[in-house]
PDB file of N, CA and C in Angstrom:
ATOM      1  N   MET A   1     139.809 149.434  97.755  1.00  0.00           N
ATOM      2  CA  MET A   1     140.883 150.067  98.108  1.00  0.00           C
ATOM      3  C   MET A   1     142.164 150.298  97.026  1.00  0.00           C
ATOM      4  N   GLY A   2     142.843 151.095  97.137  1.00  0.00           N
ATOM      5  CA  GLY A   2     143.705 151.822  95.962  1.00  0.00           C
ATOM      6  C   GLY A   2     144.775 150.376  95.986  1.00  0.00           C
ATOM      7  N   LEU A   3     145.436 150.344  94.883  1.00  0.00           N
ATOM      8  CA  LEU A   3     146.975 149.431  94.770  1.00  0.00           C
ATOM      9  C   LEU A   3     147.678 150.073  95.850  1.00  0.00           C
ATOM     10  N   THR A   4     148.037 151.080  95.698  1.00  0.00           N
ATOM     11  CA  THR A   4     149.239 151.519  97.142  1.00  0.00           C
ATOM     12  C   THR A   4     148.768 150.596  98.792  1.00  0.00           C
ATOM     13  N   ASP A   5     147.210 151.105  98.812  1.00  0.00           N
ATOM     14  CA  ASP A   5     146.621 150.096 100.359  1.00  0.00           C
ATOM     15  C   ASP A   5     146.992 149.198 100.641  1.00  0.00           C
ATOM     16  N   GLU A   6     146.999 148.549  99.598  1.00  0.00           N
ATOM     17  CA  GLU A   6     147.116 147.010  98.922  1.00  0.00           C
ATOM     18  C   GLU A   6     148.450 146.382  99.701  1.00  0.00           C
ATOM     19  N   LEU A   7     149.348 147.249  98.367  1.00  0.00           N
ATOM     20  CA  LEU A   7     150.910 147.137  98.878  1.00  0.00           C
ATOM     21  C   LEU A   7     151.032 147.552 100.261  1.00  0.00           C
ATOM     22  N   LEU A   8     150.719 148.483 100.731  1.00  0.00           N
ATOM     23  CA  LEU A   8     150.756 148.644 102.678  1.00  0.00           C
ATOM     24  C   LEU A   8     150.330 147.648 103.056  1.00  0.00           C
ATOM     25  N   CYS A   9     149.165 146.968 102.672  1.00  0.00           N
ATOM     26  CA  CYS A   9     148.742 145.838 103.616  1.00  0.00           C
ATOM     27  C   CYS A   9     149.385 144.956 103.592  1.00  0.00           C
ATOM     28  N   LYS A  10     149.742 144.636 102.594  1.00  0.00           N
ATOM     29  CA  LYS A  10     151.079 143.219 102.199  1.00  0.00           C
ATOM     30  C   LYS A  10     152.183 143.179 103.213  1.00  0.00           C
ATOM     31  N   GLU A  11     152.657 144.315 102.725  1.00  0.00           N
ATOM     32  CA  GLU A  11     154.510 144.722 103.619  1.00  0.00           C
ATOM     33  C   GLU A  11     153.987 144.895 104.983  1.00  0.00           C
ATOM     34  N   MET A  12     152.994 144.875 105.838  1.00  0.00           N
ATOM     35  CA  MET A  12     152.714 145.212 107.191  1.00  0.00           C
ATOM     36  C   MET A  12     152.495 143.743 107.188  1.00  0.00           C
ATOM     37  N   LEU A  13     151.525 142.827 106.846  1.00  0.00           N
ATOM     38  CA  LEU A  13     151.429 141.885 107.266  1.00  0.00           C
ATOM     39  C   LEU A  13     152.485 140.906 107.159  1.00  0.00           C
ATOM     40  N   LEU A  14     153.678 141.211 105.779  1.00  0.00           N
ATOM     41  CA  LEU A  14     154.592 140.567 105.932  1.00  0.00           C
ATOM     42  C   LEU A  14     155.755 141.003 106.847  1.00  0.00           C
ATOM     43  N   ASP A  15     155.828 142.152 107.413  1.00  0.00           N
ATOM     44  CA  ASP A  15     156.427 142.423 108.609  1.00  0.00           C
ATOM     45  C   ASP A  15     156.447 141.835 109.923  1.00  0.00           C
ATOM     46  N   ILE A  16     155.038 141.675 109.955  1.00  0.00           N
ATOM     47  CA  ILE A  16     154.094 140.837 111.722  1.00  0.00           C
ATOM     48  C   ILE A  16     154.750 139.540 111.488  1.00  0.00           C
ATOM     49  N   ILE A  17     154.794 138.904 110.134  1.00  0.00           N
ATOM     50  CA  ILE A  17     154.806 137.471 110.235  1.00  0.00           C
ATOM     51  C   ILE A  17     156.322 137.476 110.415  1.00  0.00           C
ATOM     52  N   HIS A  18     157.156 137.900 110.129  1.00  0.00           N
ATOM     53  CA  HIS A  18     158.774 137.947 110.005  1.00  0.00           C
ATOM     54  C   HIS A  18     158.948 138.743 112.019  1.00  0.00           C
ATOM     55  N   TYR A  19     158.201 138.817 112.333  1.00  0.00           N
ATOM     56  CA  TYR A  19     158.344 139.570 113.942  1.00  0.00           C
ATOM     57  C   TYR A  19     158.283 138.431 114.810  1.00  0.00           C
ATOM     58  N   GLU A  20     157.025 137.769 114.617  1.00  0.00           N
ATOM     59  CA  GLU A  20     156.165 136.869 114.672  1.00  0.00           C
ATOM     60  C   GLU A  20     157.670 135.683 114.999  1.00  0.00           C
ATOM     61  N   MET A  21     157.992 135.440 114.099  1.00  0.00           N
ATOM     62  CA  MET A  21     159.311 134.357 113.210  1.00  0.00           C
ATOM     63  C   MET A  21     160.743 134.281 114.592  1.00  0.00           C
ATOM     64  N   ARG A  22     160.871 135.348 114.134  1.00  0.00           N
ATOM     65  CA  ARG A  22     161.913 136.114 115.657  1.00  0.00           C
ATOM     66  C   ARG A  22     161.364 136.158 117.062  1.00  0.00           C
ATOM     67  N   CYS A  23     160.678 136.408 116.810  1.00  0.00           N
ATOM     68  CA  CYS A  23     160.107 136.210 118.459  1.00  0.00           C
ATOM     69  C   CYS A  23     159.599 134.817 119.272  1.00  0.00           C
ATOM     70  N   GLY A  24     159.804 133.814 118.203  1.00  0.00           N
ATOM     71  CA  GLY A  24     159.717 132.266 118.096  1.00  0.00           C
ATOM     72  C   GLY A  24     158.225 131.368 118.163  1.00  0.00           C
ATOM     73  N   ARG A  25     157.263 132.635 117.596  1.00  0.00           N
ATOM     74  CA  ARG A  25     156.061 132.472 117.473  1.00  0.00           C
ATOM     75  C   ARG A  25     155.496 131.447 116.798  1.00  0.00           C
ATOM     76  N   LEU A  26     156.508 131.291 115.663  1.00  0.00           N
ATOM     77  CA  LEU A  26     155.334 130.943 114.242  1.00  0.00           C
ATOM     78  C   LEU A  26     155.810 128.862 114.624  1.00  0.00           C
ATOM     79  N   SER A  27     154.253 128.502 114.223  1.00  0.00           N
ATOM     80  CA  SER A  27     154.831 127.068 114.372  1.00  0.00           C
ATOM     81  C   SER A  27     155.466 126.725 113.280  1.00  0.00           C
ATOM     82  N   PRO A  28     156.382 125.496 113.474  1.00  0.00           N
ATOM     83  CA  PRO A  28     157.366 124.471 112.198  1.00  0.00           C
ATOM     84  C   PRO A  28     156.947 125.130 110.972  1.00  0.00           C
ATOM     85  N   GLU A  29     155.647 124.837 110.782  1.00  0.00           N
ATOM     86  CA  GLU A  29     155.107 124.496 109.404  1.00  0.00           C
ATOM     87  C   GLU A  29     155.021 126.000 108.595  1.00  0.00           C
ATOM     88  N   MET A  30     154.382 126.661 109.597  1.00  0.00           N
ATOM     89  CA  MET A  30     154.292 128.311 109.295  1.00  0.00           C
ATOM     90  C   MET A  30     155.866 128.988 108.770  1.00  0.00           C
ATOM     91  N   LYS A  31     156.719 128.144 110.182  1.00  0.00           N
ATOM     92  CA  LYS A  31     158.166 129.389 109.684  1.00  0.00           C
ATOM     93  C   LYS A  31     158.904 128.561 108.375  1.00  0.00           C
ATOM     94  N   TYR A  32     158.391 127.412 107.791  1.00  0.00           N
ATOM     95  CA  TYR A  32     159.085 126.525 106.827  1.00  0.00           C
ATOM     96  C   TYR A  32     158.426 127.153 105.557  1.00  0.00           C
ATOM     97  N   LEU A  33     156.793 127.233 105.433  1.00  0.00           N
ATOM     98  CA  LEU A  33     156.584 128.088 104.839  1.00  0.00           C
ATOM     99  C   LEU A  33     157.084 129.389 104.010  1.00  0.00           C
ATOM    100  N   PHE A  34     157.128 130.351 105.316  1.00  0.00           N
ATOM    101  CA  PHE A  34     157.136 131.964 105.282  1.00  0.00           C
ATOM    102  C   PHE A  34     158.745 131.432 104.576  1.00  0.00           C
ATOM    103  N   GLU A  35     159.639 130.427 105.447  1.00  0.00           N
ATOM    104  CA  GLU A  35     161.053 130.745 104.847  1.00  0.00           C
ATOM    105  C   GLU A  35     161.045 130.263 103.166  1.00  0.00           C
ATOM    106  N   ARG A  36     160.045 129.568 102.878  1.00  0.00           N
ATOM    107  CA  ARG A  36     160.481 128.810 101.481  1.00  0.00           C
ATOM    108  C   ARG A  36     160.017 129.655 100.746  1.00  0.00           C
ATOM    109  N   HIS A  37     158.854 130.648 100.833  1.00  0.00           N
ATOM    110  CA  HIS A  37     158.720 131.574 100.421  1.00  0.00           C
ATOM    111  C   HIS A  37     159.410 133.191  99.986  1.00  0.00           C
ATOM    112  N   LEU A  38     160.218 133.283 100.964  1.00  0.00           N
ATOM    113  CA  LEU A  38     161.510 134.257 100.913  1.00  0.00           C
ATOM    114  C   LEU A  38     162.563 134.016  99.715  1.00  0.00           C
ATOM    115  N   LYS A  39     163.010 132.486 100.191  1.00  0.00           N
ATOM    116  CA  LYS A  39     163.440 131.692  98.991  1.00  0.00           C
ATOM    117  C   LYS A  39     163.303 132.148  97.138  1.00  0.00           C
ATOM    118  N   GLU A  40     162.046 132.160  97.347  1.00  0.00           N
ATOM    119  CA  GLU A  40     161.099 132.321  96.183  1.00  0.00           C
ATOM    120  C   GLU A  40     160.715 133.211  95.510  1.00  0.00           C
ATOM    121  N   CYS A  41     160.525 134.926  96.634  1.00  0.00           N
ATOM    122  CA  CYS A  41     160.271 135.849  95.820  1.00  0.00           C
ATOM    123  C   CYS A  41     161.084 136.836  96.603  1.00  0.00           C
ATOM    124  N   PRO A  42     161.996 137.430  95.360  1.00  0.00           N
ATOM    125  CA  PRO A  42     162.750 138.518  95.591  1.00  0.00           C
ATOM    126  C   PRO A  42     161.824 139.661  96.206  1.00  0.00           C
ATOM    127  N   THR A  43     160.936 140.171  96.215  1.00  0.00           N
ATOM    128  CA  THR A  43     160.049 140.974  96.355  1.00  0.00           C
ATOM    129  C   THR A  43     160.025 141.103  97.944  1.00  0.00           C
ATOM    130  N   CYS A  44     159.438 139.869  98.539  1.00  0.00           N
ATOM    131  CA  CYS A  44     159.145 139.750 100.163  1.00  0.00           C
ATOM    132  C   CYS A  44     160.528 140.029 100.251  1.00  0.00           C
ATOM    133  N   ARG A  45     161.550 139.213 100.092  1.00  0.00           N
ATOM    134  CA  ARG A  45     163.109 138.979 100.190  1.00  0.00           C
ATOM    135  C   ARG A  45     163.618 140.544 100.777  1.00  0.00           C
ATOM    136  N   HIS A  46     163.241 141.383  99.451  1.00  0.00           N
ATOM    137  CA  HIS A  46     163.938 142.852  99.827  1.00  0.00           C
ATOM    138  C   HIS A  46     162.795 143.460 101.099  1.00  0.00           C
ATOM    139  N   SER A  47     161.795 142.823 100.964  1.00  0.00           N
ATOM    140  CA  SER A  47     160.673 143.929 101.654  1.00  0.00           C
ATOM    141  C   SER A  47     161.171 143.441 103.393  1.00  0.00           C
ATOM    142  N   ILE A  48     161.591 142.230 103.406  1.00  0.00           N
ATOM    143  CA  ILE A  48     162.201 141.818 104.604  1.00  0.00           C
ATOM    144  C   ILE A  48     163.348 142.370 105.364  1.00  0.00           C
ATOM    145  N   LEU A  49     164.343 142.532 104.218  1.00  0.00           N
ATOM    146  CA  LEU A  49     165.523 143.265 104.842  1.00  0.00           C
ATOM    147  C   LEU A  49     165.423 144.481 105.179  1.00  0.00           C
ATOM    148  N   GLY A  50     164.670 145.104 104.520  1.00  0.00           N
ATOM    149  CA  GLY A  50     164.397 146.674 104.936  1.00  0.00           C
ATOM    150  C   GLY A  50     163.771 146.357 106.376  1.00  0.00           C
ATOM    151  N   PHE A  51     162.945 145.877 106.844  1.00  0.00           N
ATOM    152  CA  PHE A  51     162.325 145.950 108.431  1.00  0.00           C
ATOM    153  C   PHE A  51     163.611 144.822 109.299  1.00  0.00           C
ATOM    154  N   GLN A  52     164.152 143.974 108.490  1.00  0.00           N
ATOM    155  CA  GLN A  52     165.279 144.116 109.263  1.00  0.00           C
ATOM    156  C   GLN A  52     166.244 144.753 110.253  1.00  0.00           C
ATOM    157  N   ARG A  53     166.438 146.039 108.822  1.00  0.00           N
ATOM    158  CA  ARG A  53     167.590 146.856 108.883  1.00  0.00           C
ATOM    159  C   ARG A  53     167.094 147.775 110.464  1.00  0.00           C
ATOM    160  N   ASN A  54     165.390 147.630 110.256  1.00  0.00           N
ATOM    161  CA  ASN A  54     165.323 148.748 111.341  1.00  0.00           C
ATOM    162  C   ASN A  54     164.507 148.321 112.844  1.00  0.00           C
ATOM    163  N   LEU A  55     165.264 146.412 112.935  1.00  0.00           N
ATOM    164  CA  LEU A  55     164.933 146.159 114.328  1.00  0.00           C
ATOM    165  C   LEU A  55     166.488 146.259 115.123  1.00  0.00           C
ATOM    166  N   PRO A  56     166.168 146.602 116.410  1.00  0.00           N
ATOM    167  CA  PRO A  56     167.606 146.567 117.101  1.00  0.00           C
ATOM    168  C   PRO A  56     168.087 144.539 117.195  1.00  0.00           C
ATOM    169  N   GLU A  57     169.298 145.455 117.514  1.00  0.00           N
ATOM    170  CA  GLU A  57     170.554 144.021 117.362  1.00  0.00           C
ATOM    171  C   GLU A  57     170.575 143.470 118.316  1.00  0.00           C
ATOM    172  N   THR A  58     169.553 143.594 119.560  1.00  0.00           N
ATOM    173  CA  THR A  58     169.978 143.068 120.751  1.00  0.00           C
ATOM    174  C   THR A  58     168.992 141.159 120.256  1.00  0.00           C
ATOM    175  N   GLU A  59     169.213 140.162 121.134  1.00  0.00           N
ATOM    176  CA  GLU A  59     168.272 139.149 120.735  1.00  0.00           C
ATOM    177  C   GLU A  59     166.936 139.161 121.282  1.00  0.00           C
ATOM    178  N   VAL A  60     166.139 138.454 120.609  1.00  0.00           N
ATOM    179  CA  VAL A  60     164.819 138.337 121.064  1.00  0.00           C
ATOM    180  C   VAL A  60     164.474 137.090 121.988  1.00  0.00           C
ATOM    181  N   VAL A  61     163.893 138.017 122.966  1.00  0.00           N
ATOM    182  CA  VAL A  61     163.148 137.046 124.210  1.00  0.00           C
ATOM    183  C   VAL A  61     161.436 136.686 123.601  1.00  0.00           C
ATOM    184  N   ARG A  62     161.562 135.304 123.887  1.00  0.00           N
ATOM    185  CA  ARG A  62     160.225 134.460 123.338  1.00  0.00           C
ATOM    186  C   ARG A  62     159.454 134.863 124.457  1.00  0.00           C
ATOM    187  N   ASN A  63     157.687 135.496 123.913  1.00  0.00           N
ATOM    188  CA  ASN A  63     157.096 135.637 124.979  1.00  0.00           C
ATOM    189  C   ASN A  63     156.178 134.510 125.044  1.00  0.00           C
ATOM    190  N   PHE A  64     156.290 134.390 125.884  1.00  0.00           N
ATOM    191  CA  PHE A  64     155.080 133.332 126.591  1.00  0.00           C
ATOM    192  C   PHE A  64     153.602 133.663 127.049  1.00  0.00           C
ATOM    193  N   GLY A  65     153.193 134.765 126.895  1.00  0.00           N
ATOM    194  CA  GLY A  65     151.730 135.389 127.078  1.00  0.00           C
ATOM    195  C   GLY A  65     150.959 135.524 125.747  1.00  0.00           C
TER     196      GLY A  65
END
Protein backbone atom coordinates (compact mmCIF):
# COMPACT_ATOMS: atom_id res chain seq x y z
CA MET A 1 0.00 0.00 0.00
CA GLY A 2 1.42 3.35 -0.99
CA LEU A 3 1.52 6.46 1.18
CA THR A 4 -1.35 8.04 -0.74
CA ASP A 5 -3.52 4.96 -0.20
CA GLU A 6 -2.70 4.95 3.51
CA LEU A 7 -3.61 8.63 3.86
CA LEU A 8 -6.88 8.08 2.00
CA CYS A 9 -7.73 5.16 4.29
CA LYS A 10 -7.03 7.22 7.40
CA GLU A 11 -9.16 10.10 6.13
CA MET A 12 -12.01 7.74 5.26
CA LEU A 13 -11.87 6.16 8.71
CA LEU A 14 -11.85 9.57 10.36
CA ASP A 15 -14.87 10.65 8.30
CA ILE A 16 -16.77 7.48 9.24
CA ILE A 17 -16.04 7.94 12.94
CA HIS A 18 -17.16 11.57 12.78
CA TYR A 19 -20.36 10.60 10.95
CA GLU A 20 -21.13 7.90 13.53
CA MET A 21 -20.59 10.44 16.32
CA ARG A 22 -22.97 12.91 14.66
CA CYS A 23 -25.57 10.16 14.40
CA GLY A 24 -25.21 9.35 18.09
CA ARG A 25 -23.85 5.86 17.55
CA LEU A 26 -20.51 6.18 19.36
CA SER A 27 -20.22 5.05 22.96
CA PRO A 28 -19.49 7.82 25.45
CA GLU A 29 -15.95 6.48 25.82
CA MET A 30 -15.27 6.52 22.07
CA LYS A 31 -16.80 9.97 21.73
CA TYR A 32 -14.53 11.25 24.52
CA LEU A 33 -11.42 9.70 22.92
CA PHE A 34 -12.34 11.05 19.49
CA GLU A 35 -12.99 14.58 20.77
CA ARG A 36 -9.80 14.52 22.85
CA HIS A 37 -7.79 13.45 19.81
CA LEU A 38 -9.28 16.23 17.71
CA LYS A 39 -8.26 18.80 20.33
CA GLU A 40 -4.66 17.56 20.16
CA CYS A 41 -4.29 16.82 16.44
CA PRO A 42 -4.54 19.72 13.98
CA THR A 43 -4.31 17.38 10.97
CA CYS A 44 -7.41 15.38 11.99
CA ARG A 45 -9.21 18.53 13.08
CA HIS A 46 -8.61 20.05 9.64
CA SER A 47 -9.87 16.87 7.96
CA ILE A 48 -13.04 16.87 10.08
CA LEU A 49 -13.74 20.50 9.25
CA GLY A 50 -13.56 19.61 5.56
CA PHE A 51 -15.94 16.71 6.11
CA GLN A 52 -18.39 18.92 8.04
CA ARG A 53 -18.52 21.41 5.17
CA ASN A 54 -19.86 18.64 2.93
CA LEU A 55 -22.62 17.51 5.29
CA PRO A 56 -26.13 18.92 5.06
CA GLU A 57 -27.13 21.50 7.67
CA THR A 58 -30.15 19.49 8.80
CA GLU A 59 -30.16 17.78 12.17
CA VAL A 60 -29.04 14.18 12.12
CA VAL A 61 -31.64 11.68 13.33
CA ARG A 62 -30.33 8.75 15.34
CA ASN A 63 -30.69 5.42 13.58
CA PHE A 64 -31.53 2.59 15.98
CA GLY A 65 -31.57 -0.02 13.23
